[in-house]
Amino acid sequence: MRLQLTQHGVLLLATQLRLDGTFVHQLVRTGTALPCRTLETVQLSVAQEPKAVNLTLRHRSSMHSISIPRTSLREVMQTAQQWIEGALNGELEAAA
């Protein structure tokens, strides 16, 4: 079972990565036999810097952060989505 951003969340993320603020996202747990997917709620803070986008992700008692260099919006989006899903699936270390 893996947590993934919803399609709606991916669409919102494109706009949110251009703004400063804190946003709430719902993630779905895929790979379950249940007819309805389990939802998890996370908080994503976005801070704009001249050469990077800084992200902080909070889920339950975990906190993760990353600074993504400004390239194309598509590359920033892909990096952010992979990072969010990787952090929530235990593929990254939590921030100290």
N, C-alpha and C. Protein backbone atom coordinates (compact mmCIF):
# COMPACT_ATOMS: atom_id res chain seq x y z
N MET A 1 0.83 -1.18 0.00
CA MET A 1 0.00 0.00 0.00
C MET A 1 0.88 1.24 0.00
N ARG A 2 0.53 2.16 -0.85
CA ARG A 2 1.35 3.35 -1.05
C ARG A 2 0.47 4.59 -1.01
N LEU A 3 0.96 5.65 -0.37
CA LEU A 3 0.25 6.93 -0.37
C LEU A 3 0.60 7.72 -1.62
N GLN A 4 -0.43 8.29 -2.26
CA GLN A 4 -0.24 9.12 -3.46
C GLN A 4 -1.13 10.34 -3.37
N LEU A 5 -0.65 11.44 -3.95
CA LEU A 5 -1.50 12.62 -4.08
C LEU A 5 -2.71 12.28 -4.94
N THR A 6 -3.83 12.88 -4.63
CA THR A 6 -5.01 12.71 -5.48
C THR A 6 -4.79 13.49 -6.77
N GLN A 7 -5.58 13.20 -7.80
CA GLN A 7 -5.48 13.96 -9.05
C GLN A 7 -5.75 15.43 -8.80
N HIS A 8 -6.73 15.71 -7.96
CA HIS A 8 -7.04 17.10 -7.61
C HIS A 8 -5.85 17.76 -6.93
N GLY A 9 -5.18 17.04 -6.04
CA GLY A 9 -4.01 17.57 -5.35
C GLY A 9 -2.87 17.88 -6.30
N VAL A 10 -2.67 17.04 -7.30
CA VAL A 10 -1.60 17.28 -8.29
C VAL A 10 -1.91 18.56 -9.07
N LEU A 11 -3.17 18.75 -9.44
CA LEU A 11 -3.55 19.97 -10.17
C LEU A 11 -3.36 21.22 -9.31
N LEU A 12 -3.73 21.13 -8.04
CA LEU A 12 -3.55 22.27 -7.14
C LEU A 12 -2.08 22.57 -6.88
N LEU A 13 -1.27 21.53 -6.81
CA LEU A 13 0.15 21.69 -6.51
C LEU A 13 0.84 22.59 -7.53
N ALA A 14 0.45 22.50 -8.79
CA ALA A 14 1.06 23.34 -9.84
C ALA A 14 0.92 24.83 -9.51
N THR A 15 -0.24 25.23 -9.02
CA THR A 15 -0.46 26.63 -8.65
C THR A 15 0.20 26.95 -7.32
N GLN A 16 0.10 26.05 -6.36
CA GLN A 16 0.64 26.29 -5.03
C GLN A 16 2.15 26.48 -5.05
N LEU A 17 2.83 25.83 -5.97
CA LEU A 17 4.30 25.95 -6.05
C LEU A 17 4.73 27.33 -6.54
N ARG A 18 3.80 28.15 -6.99
CA ARG A 18 4.11 29.52 -7.42
C ARG A 18 3.74 30.54 -6.35
N LEU A 19 3.20 30.08 -5.23
CA LEU A 19 2.72 30.97 -4.17
C LEU A 19 3.48 30.72 -2.87
N ASP A 20 3.34 31.64 -1.92
CA ASP A 20 3.77 31.42 -0.54
C ASP A 20 2.54 31.04 0.25
N GLY A 21 2.66 30.07 1.13
CA GLY A 21 1.52 29.72 1.97
C GLY A 21 1.58 28.30 2.47
N THR A 22 0.55 27.95 3.23
CA THR A 22 0.41 26.61 3.76
C THR A 22 -0.86 26.00 3.20
N PHE A 23 -0.75 24.80 2.69
CA PHE A 23 -1.85 24.15 1.99
C PHE A 23 -2.08 22.76 2.58
N VAL A 24 -3.34 22.33 2.56
CA VAL A 24 -3.70 21.00 3.06
C VAL A 24 -3.98 20.11 1.86
N HIS A 25 -3.38 18.93 1.88
CA HIS A 25 -3.58 17.95 0.81
C HIS A 25 -4.11 16.65 1.37
N GLN A 26 -4.93 15.99 0.57
CA GLN A 26 -5.42 14.65 0.87
C GLN A 26 -4.63 13.68 0.00
N LEU A 27 -4.17 12.61 0.61
CA LEU A 27 -3.50 11.56 -0.14
C LEU A 27 -4.30 10.28 0.00
N VAL A 28 -4.26 9.47 -1.04
CA VAL A 28 -4.98 8.20 -1.02
C VAL A 28 -4.00 7.07 -0.84
N ARG A 29 -4.46 6.05 -0.15
CA ARG A 29 -3.66 4.84 0.04
C ARG A 29 -4.08 3.87 -1.04
N THR A 30 -3.20 3.64 -1.99
CA THR A 30 -3.51 2.76 -3.12
C THR A 30 -3.10 1.33 -2.80
N GLY A 31 -3.64 0.41 -3.56
CA GLY A 31 -3.27 -0.99 -3.39
C GLY A 31 -4.07 -1.71 -2.33
N THR A 32 -5.18 -1.11 -1.89
CA THR A 32 -6.02 -1.80 -0.91
C THR A 32 -7.17 -2.50 -1.63
N ALA A 33 -7.69 -3.50 -1.00
CA ALA A 33 -8.81 -4.25 -1.58
C ALA A 33 -10.15 -3.58 -1.27
N LEU A 34 -10.13 -2.53 -0.47
CA LEU A 34 -11.36 -1.84 -0.11
C LEU A 34 -11.92 -1.07 -1.30
N PRO A 35 -13.23 -0.99 -1.42
CA PRO A 35 -13.81 -0.24 -2.53
C PRO A 35 -13.55 1.26 -2.44
N CYS A 36 -13.42 1.80 -1.23
CA CYS A 36 -13.08 3.23 -1.10
C CYS A 36 -11.66 3.32 -0.56
N ARG A 37 -10.95 4.30 -1.04
CA ARG A 37 -9.55 4.47 -0.61
C ARG A 37 -9.48 5.20 0.71
N THR A 38 -8.48 4.87 1.49
CA THR A 38 -8.25 5.55 2.75
C THR A 38 -7.56 6.88 2.47
N LEU A 39 -8.04 7.96 3.09
CA LEU A 39 -7.44 9.28 2.89
C LEU A 39 -6.56 9.64 4.06
N GLU A 40 -5.42 10.26 3.77
CA GLU A 40 -4.52 10.81 4.78
C GLU A 40 -4.39 12.30 4.50
N THR A 41 -4.33 13.11 5.54
CA THR A 41 -4.21 14.56 5.38
C THR A 41 -2.80 15.00 5.74
N VAL A 42 -2.23 15.89 4.91
CA VAL A 42 -0.91 16.45 5.17
C VAL A 42 -0.96 17.96 5.01
N GLN A 43 0.02 18.62 5.59
CA GLN A 43 0.13 20.07 5.49
C GLN A 43 1.42 20.40 4.75
N LEU A 44 1.32 21.18 3.68
CA LEU A 44 2.47 21.56 2.87
C LEU A 44 2.66 23.06 2.94
N SER A 45 3.82 23.49 3.41
CA SER A 45 4.16 24.92 3.44
C SER A 45 5.11 25.21 2.29
N VAL A 46 4.84 26.29 1.56
CA VAL A 46 5.63 26.67 0.40
C VAL A 46 6.18 28.08 0.64
N ALA A 47 7.47 28.25 0.44
CA ALA A 47 8.12 29.56 0.57
C ALA A 47 8.96 29.81 -0.68
N GLN A 48 8.73 30.93 -1.33
CA GLN A 48 9.44 31.29 -2.55
C GLN A 48 10.76 31.98 -2.22
N GLU A 49 11.81 31.57 -2.85
CA GLU A 49 13.12 32.21 -2.78
C GLU A 49 13.51 32.58 -4.21
N PRO A 50 14.44 33.49 -4.40
CA PRO A 50 14.81 33.89 -5.77
C PRO A 50 15.25 32.72 -6.66
N LYS A 51 15.97 31.76 -6.10
CA LYS A 51 16.49 30.67 -6.93
C LYS A 51 15.97 29.29 -6.55
N ALA A 52 15.01 29.25 -5.63
CA ALA A 52 14.50 27.95 -5.17
C ALA A 52 13.09 28.09 -4.60
N VAL A 53 12.44 26.95 -4.50
CA VAL A 53 11.15 26.84 -3.81
C VAL A 53 11.39 25.94 -2.60
N ASN A 54 11.12 26.47 -1.41
CA ASN A 54 11.33 25.70 -0.18
C ASN A 54 10.00 25.08 0.26
N LEU A 55 10.02 23.78 0.51
CA LEU A 55 8.82 23.07 0.92
C LEU A 55 9.03 22.42 2.28
N THR A 56 8.01 22.47 3.11
CA THR A 56 8.00 21.77 4.39
C THR A 56 6.71 20.97 4.45
N LEU A 57 6.82 19.70 4.74
CA LEU A 57 5.69 18.78 4.77
C LEU A 57 5.50 18.26 6.19
N ARG A 58 4.27 18.37 6.69
CA ARG A 58 3.96 17.85 8.02
C ARG A 58 2.86 16.80 7.91
N HIS A 59 3.12 15.65 8.51
CA HIS A 59 2.14 14.56 8.53
C HIS A 59 2.28 13.86 9.87
N ARG A 60 1.21 13.90 10.65
CA ARG A 60 1.22 13.36 12.01
C ARG A 60 2.37 13.98 12.79
N SER A 61 3.32 13.20 13.26
CA SER A 61 4.43 13.76 14.04
C SER A 61 5.70 13.92 13.20
N SER A 62 5.61 13.71 11.89
CA SER A 62 6.79 13.81 11.02
C SER A 62 6.85 15.16 10.32
N MET A 63 8.07 15.62 10.09
CA MET A 63 8.29 16.84 9.33
C MET A 63 9.44 16.60 8.35
N HIS A 64 9.25 17.01 7.11
CA HIS A 64 10.26 16.88 6.07
C HIS A 64 10.40 18.23 5.38
N SER A 65 11.59 18.54 4.89
CA SER A 65 11.78 19.79 4.16
C SER A 65 12.76 19.58 3.02
N ILE A 66 12.58 20.43 1.99
CA ILE A 66 13.43 20.37 0.80
C ILE A 66 13.48 21.74 0.16
N SER A 67 14.56 22.03 -0.51
CA SER A 67 14.70 23.23 -1.31
C SER A 67 14.89 22.78 -2.76
N ILE A 68 13.95 23.13 -3.62
CA ILE A 68 14.00 22.68 -5.02
C ILE A 68 14.47 23.85 -5.88
N PRO A 69 15.58 23.70 -6.60
CA PRO A 69 16.06 24.78 -7.46
C PRO A 69 15.01 25.12 -8.53
N ARG A 70 14.91 26.41 -8.82
CA ARG A 70 13.97 26.85 -9.85
C ARG A 70 14.47 26.43 -11.23
N THR A 71 13.70 25.60 -11.88
CA THR A 71 13.94 25.22 -13.27
C THR A 71 12.60 25.44 -13.96
N SER A 72 12.18 24.56 -14.80
CA SER A 72 10.85 24.69 -15.40
C SER A 72 9.80 24.28 -14.37
N LEU A 73 8.58 24.81 -14.51
CA LEU A 73 7.51 24.45 -13.59
C LEU A 73 7.27 22.94 -13.61
N ARG A 74 7.37 22.33 -14.79
CA ARG A 74 7.17 20.89 -14.91
C ARG A 74 8.18 20.12 -14.06
N GLU A 75 9.45 20.52 -14.11
CA GLU A 75 10.48 19.84 -13.34
C GLU A 75 10.29 20.05 -11.84
N VAL A 76 9.93 21.26 -11.45
CA VAL A 76 9.69 21.55 -10.03
C VAL A 76 8.49 20.73 -9.55
N MET A 77 7.44 20.66 -10.37
CA MET A 77 6.24 19.87 -10.05
C MET A 77 6.59 18.39 -9.84
N GLN A 78 7.32 17.83 -10.79
CA GLN A 78 7.66 16.41 -10.72
C GLN A 78 8.51 16.12 -9.49
N THR A 79 9.48 16.99 -9.22
CA THR A 79 10.34 16.82 -8.05
C THR A 79 9.52 16.91 -6.77
N ALA A 80 8.64 17.91 -6.70
CA ALA A 80 7.82 18.10 -5.50
C ALA A 80 6.89 16.90 -5.28
N GLN A 81 6.23 16.44 -6.32
CA GLN A 81 5.32 15.30 -6.17
C GLN A 81 6.07 14.04 -5.74
N GLN A 82 7.21 13.77 -6.37
CA GLN A 82 7.99 12.59 -5.99
C GLN A 82 8.48 12.71 -4.55
N TRP A 83 8.90 13.92 -4.16
CA TRP A 83 9.39 14.13 -2.80
C TRP A 83 8.28 13.95 -1.78
N ILE A 84 7.09 14.53 -2.04
CA ILE A 84 5.96 14.40 -1.11
C ILE A 84 5.61 12.93 -0.92
N GLU A 85 5.43 12.22 -2.02
CA GLU A 85 5.05 10.81 -1.94
C GLU A 85 6.15 9.96 -1.33
N GLY A 86 7.41 10.27 -1.65
CA GLY A 86 8.53 9.53 -1.08
C GLY A 86 8.63 9.74 0.43
N ALA A 87 8.43 10.99 0.87
CA ALA A 87 8.50 11.29 2.31
C ALA A 87 7.40 10.55 3.06
N LEU A 88 6.21 10.52 2.52
CA LEU A 88 5.08 9.90 3.21
C LEU A 88 5.10 8.38 3.16
N ASN A 89 5.90 7.85 2.26
CA ASN A 89 6.00 6.39 2.14
C ASN A 89 7.28 5.86 2.79
N GLY A 90 7.94 6.71 3.58
CA GLY A 90 9.11 6.26 4.32
C GLY A 90 10.37 6.09 3.50
N GLU A 91 10.41 6.74 2.33
CA GLU A 91 11.58 6.62 1.47
C GLU A 91 12.60 7.73 1.71
N LEU A 92 12.27 8.69 2.58
CA LEU A 92 13.16 9.80 2.91
C LEU A 92 13.30 9.90 4.42
N GLU A 93 14.37 10.52 4.87
CA GLU A 93 14.55 10.75 6.30
C GLU A 93 13.79 12.01 6.71
N ALA A 94 13.29 12.03 7.91
CA ALA A 94 12.60 13.20 8.43
C ALA A 94 13.62 14.28 8.79
N ALA A 95 13.19 15.54 8.75
CA ALA A 95 14.06 16.64 9.14
C ALA A 95 14.32 16.60 10.63
N ALA A 96 15.50 17.02 11.01
CA ALA A 96 15.87 17.00 12.45
C ALA A 96 15.25 18.16 13.17
